[in-house]
C-alpha atoms as a PDB file:
ATOM      1  CA  MET A   1       0.115   0.269   0.005  1.00  0.00           C
ATOM      2  CA  THR A   2       1.424   3.432  -0.852  1.00  0.00           C
ATOM      3  CA  ARG A   3       2.348   5.960   2.028  1.00  0.00           C
ATOM      4  CA  VAL A   4      -0.300   9.104   2.361  1.00  0.00           C
ATOM      5  CA  LYS A   5       1.328  12.323   3.228  1.00  0.00           C
ATOM      6  CA  ARG A   6      -1.357  14.269   5.118  1.00  0.00           C
ATOM      7  CA  SER A   7       0.287  17.486   4.998  1.00  0.00           C
ATOM      8  CA  VAL A   8      -1.886  19.448   2.478  1.00  0.00           C
ATOM      9  CA  MET A   9      -5.135  17.973   3.859  1.00  0.00           C
ATOM     10  CA  ALA A  10      -4.212  19.052   7.165  1.00  0.00           C
ATOM     11  CA  ASN A  11      -2.896  22.685   6.265  1.00  0.00           C
ATOM     12  CA  LYS A  12      -6.075  23.134   4.616  1.00  0.00           C
ATOM     13  CA  ARG A  13      -7.981  21.809   7.360  1.00  0.00           C
ATOM     14  CA  ARG A  14      -6.017  24.473   9.682  1.00  0.00           C
ATOM     15  CA  LYS A  15      -6.344  26.958   7.044  1.00  0.00           C
ATOM     16  CA  ASN A  16      -9.960  27.063   7.138  1.00  0.00           C
ATOM     17  CA  LEU A  17     -10.535  26.942  10.484  1.00  0.00           C
ATOM     18  CA  LEU A  18      -8.239  29.669  11.494  1.00  0.00           C
ATOM     19  CA  LYS A  19     -10.166  31.920   8.440  1.00  0.00           C
ATOM     20  CA  ARG A  20     -13.603  30.766  10.164  1.00  0.00           C
ATOM     21  CA  ALA A  21     -11.976  32.145  13.548  1.00  0.00           C
ATOM     22  CA  LYS A  22     -10.493  35.263  12.378  1.00  0.00           C
ATOM     23  CA  GLY A  23     -11.565  38.599  14.498  1.00  0.00           C
ATOM     24  CA  PHE A  24     -11.283  36.539  17.691  1.00  0.00           C
ATOM     25  CA  LYS A  25     -10.017  37.702  20.541  1.00  0.00           C
ATOM     26  CA  GLY A  26      -5.932  37.077  21.618  1.00  0.00           C
ATOM     27  CA  HIS A  27      -4.741  33.333  20.839  1.00  0.00           C
ATOM     28  CA  ALA A  28      -8.376  32.728  19.832  1.00  0.00           C
ATOM     29  CA  GLY A  29      -7.737  33.591  16.561  1.00  0.00           C
ATOM     30  CA  THR A  30      -4.714  32.381  15.792  1.00  0.00           C
ATOM     31  CA  LYS A  31      -3.809  29.150  17.860  1.00  0.00           C
ATOM     32  CA  PHE A  32      -5.154  26.353  16.204  1.00  0.00           C
ATOM     33  CA  ARG A  33      -6.154  24.458  19.215  1.00  0.00           C
ATOM     34  CA  MET A  34      -7.352  27.714  20.906  1.00  0.00           C
ATOM     35  CA  ALA A  35      -9.444  28.462  17.312  1.00  0.00           C
ATOM     36  CA  LYS A  36     -10.858  25.033  17.464  1.00  0.00           C
ATOM     37  CA  GLU A  37     -12.292  25.366  20.711  1.00  0.00           C
ATOM     38  CA  ARG A  38     -13.676  28.866  20.529  1.00  0.00           C
ATOM     39  CA  LEU A  39     -15.048  28.119  17.077  1.00  0.00           C
ATOM     40  CA  LEU A  40     -17.394  25.135  19.216  1.00  0.00           C
ATOM     41  CA  LYS A  41     -18.439  27.568  21.362  1.00  0.00           C
ATOM     42  CA  ALA A  42     -19.439  30.274  18.938  1.00  0.00           C
ATOM     43  CA  GLU A  43     -20.955  27.572  16.716  1.00  0.00           C
ATOM     44  CA  SER A  44     -23.047  26.804  20.044  1.00  0.00           C
ATOM     45  CA  ASN A  45     -24.117  30.409  20.855  1.00  0.00           C
ATOM     46  CA  ALA A  46     -24.945  31.085  17.269  1.00  0.00           C
ATOM     47  CA  TYR A  47     -27.569  27.691  17.248  1.00  0.00           C
ATOM     48  CA  LYS A  48     -28.914  29.003  20.625  1.00  0.00           C
ATOM     49  CA  SER A  49     -29.351  32.436  19.842  1.00  0.00           C
ATOM     50  CA  ARG A  50     -31.440  31.776  16.396  1.00  0.00           C
ATOM     51  CA  ARG A  51     -33.880  30.397  18.601  1.00  0.00           C
ATOM     52  CA  LEU A  52     -33.776  33.066  21.125  1.00  0.00           C
ATOM     53  CA  ARG A  53     -34.094  35.780  18.684  1.00  0.00           C
ATOM     54  CA  LYS A  54     -37.720  34.610  17.539  1.00  0.00           C
ATOM     55  CA  ARG A  55     -38.669  34.527  21.312  1.00  0.00           C
ATOM     56  CA  ASP A  56     -37.358  37.897  21.796  1.00  0.00           C
ATOM     57  CA  PHE A  57     -38.973  39.312  18.724  1.00  0.00           C
ATOM     58  CA  LYS A  58     -42.470  38.079  19.806  1.00  0.00           C
ATOM     59  CA  ARG A  59     -41.922  39.739  22.907  1.00  0.00           C
ATOM     60  CA  LEU A  60     -41.132  42.711  21.165  1.00  0.00           C
ATOM     61  CA  TRP A  61     -44.465  42.358  19.508  1.00  0.00           C
ATOM     62  CA  ILE A  62     -46.514  42.036  22.752  1.00  0.00           C
ATOM     63  CA  VAL A  63     -45.215  44.913  24.012  1.00  0.00           C
ATOM     64  CA  ARG A  64     -45.859  47.207  21.040  1.00  0.00           C
ATOM     65  CA  ILE A  65     -49.452  45.844  21.032  1.00  0.00           C
ATOM     66  CA  ASN A  66     -49.924  46.296  24.372  1.00  0.00           C
ATOM     67  CA  GLY A  67     -48.343  49.827  24.572  1.00  0.00           C
ATOM     68  CA  ALA A  68     -50.438  50.872  21.673  1.00  0.00           C
ATOM     69  CA  LEU A  69     -53.577  49.610  23.334  1.00  0.00           C
ATOM     70  CA  LYS A  70     -52.721  51.966  26.312  1.00  0.00           C
ATOM     71  CA  GLN A  71     -51.770  54.821  23.980  1.00  0.00           C
ATOM     72  CA  ILE A  72     -55.336  54.775  22.502  1.00  0.00           C
ATOM     73  CA  GLY A  73     -56.789  54.885  26.210  1.00  0.00           C
ATOM     74  CA  SER A  74     -58.082  51.494  25.524  1.00  0.00           C
ATOM     75  CA  GLU A  75     -59.284  49.342  28.633  1.00  0.00           C
ATOM     76  CA  LEU A  76     -58.377  46.130  27.218  1.00  0.00           C
ATOM     77  CA  ASN A  77     -55.140  44.767  27.829  1.00  0.00           C
ATOM     78  CA  TYR A  78     -53.015  42.294  25.410  1.00  0.00           C
ATOM     79  CA  SER A  79     -54.768  39.321  26.597  1.00  0.00           C
ATOM     80  CA  THR A  80     -58.138  40.490  26.126  1.00  0.00           C
ATOM     81  CA  PHE A  81     -57.622  42.102  23.047  1.00  0.00           C
ATOM     82  CA  MET A  82     -55.927  38.861  21.480  1.00  0.00           C
ATOM     83  CA  TYR A  83     -59.009  36.950  23.027  1.00  0.00           C
ATOM     84  CA  GLY A  84     -61.283  39.570  21.237  1.00  0.00           C
ATOM     85  CA  LEU A  85     -59.724  39.033  17.702  1.00  0.00           C
ATOM     86  CA  LYS A  86     -59.644  35.573  17.793  1.00  0.00           C
ATOM     87  CA  GLU A  87     -63.638  35.432  18.829  1.00  0.00           C
ATOM     88  CA  ALA A  88     -64.409  38.171  16.127  1.00  0.00           C
ATOM     89  CA  LYS A  89     -62.243  35.620  13.635  1.00  0.00           C
ATOM     90  CA  ILE A  90     -59.777  38.263  12.864  1.00  0.00           C
ATOM     91  CA  VAL A  91     -56.795  36.131  12.146  1.00  0.00           C
ATOM     92  CA  LEU A  92     -53.592  38.854  12.271  1.00  0.00           C
ATOM     93  CA  ASN A  93     -50.267  37.750  13.763  1.00  0.00           C
ATOM     94  CA  ARG A  94     -48.377  39.420  16.173  1.00  0.00           C
ATOM     95  CA  LYS A  95     -45.795  41.267  13.696  1.00  0.00           C
ATOM     96  CA  SER A  96     -48.631  42.532  11.533  1.00  0.00           C
ATOM     97  CA  LEU A  97     -50.636  43.711  14.451  1.00  0.00           C
ATOM     98  CA  SER A  98     -47.239  45.338  15.882  1.00  0.00           C
ATOM     99  CA  GLN A  99     -46.638  47.109  12.463  1.00  0.00           C
ATOM    100  CA  MET A 100     -50.167  48.209  12.579  1.00  0.00           C
ATOM    101  CA  ALA A 101     -49.856  50.046  15.912  1.00  0.00           C
ATOM    102  CA  ILE A 102     -46.659  51.713  14.620  1.00  0.00           C
ATOM    103  CA  VAL A 103     -47.450  53.064  11.138  1.00  0.00           C
ATOM    104  CA  ASP A 104     -51.450  52.671  10.968  1.00  0.00           C
ATOM    105  CA  ILE A 105     -52.811  53.808  14.458  1.00  0.00           C
ATOM    106  CA  GLU A 106     -56.330  54.536  12.809  1.00  0.00           C
ATOM    107  CA  ALA A 107     -56.669  50.839  11.426  1.00  0.00           C
ATOM    108  CA  PHE A 108     -55.529  49.111  14.802  1.00  0.00           C
ATOM    109  CA  LYS A 109     -58.075  51.262  16.528  1.00  0.00           C
ATOM    110  CA  LYS A 110     -61.076  49.440  14.206  1.00  0.00           C
ATOM    111  CA  LEU A 111     -59.452  46.275  15.544  1.00  0.00           C
ATOM    112  CA  GLU A 112     -59.944  47.406  18.960  1.00  0.00           C
ATOM    113  CA  VAL A 113     -63.132  48.294  18.655  1.00  0.00           C
ATOM    114  CA  ALA A 114     -64.093  44.882  16.826  1.00  0.00           C
ATOM    115  CA  ALA A 115     -61.950  43.466  19.599  1.00  0.00           C
ATOM    116  CA  LYS A 116     -63.951  45.033  22.295  1.00  0.00           C
ATOM    117  CA  LYS A 117     -67.490  43.887  21.016  1.00  0.00           C
ATOM    118  CA  PHE A 118     -66.628  40.110  21.733  1.00  0.00           C
ATOM    119  CA  ALA A 119     -64.160  40.918  24.721  1.00  0.00           C
ATOM    120  CA  VAL A 120     -66.905  42.678  26.780  1.00  0.00           C
ATOM    121  CA  LYS A 121     -69.147  39.354  26.314  1.00  0.00           C
ATOM    122  CA  ARG A 122     -66.313  37.818  28.120  1.00  0.00           C
ATOM    123  CA  LYS A 123     -66.565  39.589  31.422  1.00  0.00           C
ATOM    124  CA  LYS A 124     -70.400  39.315  31.611  1.00  0.00           C
END
């Protein structure tokens, strides 16, 4: 069997890894072993953060909707507003409701009136 020299592939692998670690602090961007460890951690955090970002945006949209309800002087809070919309068979996601609250407050007020009709029935 012929002998295989690994230097070309090993250098290619190291160079690729160090390229991905470019910009890391201290030796984490220059030394292979440390760069490898930091990349494992960085990729793990990136995976987690992609899921956390969705959570954070959902939280932001909810805060915006609730804030808009307070701004227009509604007696509804976020949860009763969403319940009223659901009962009124108005299907809008939080992102579009949040955007509407910022850009088109008049349309948002109409939604609030529609939601209030059904939310009040719940209280009785």
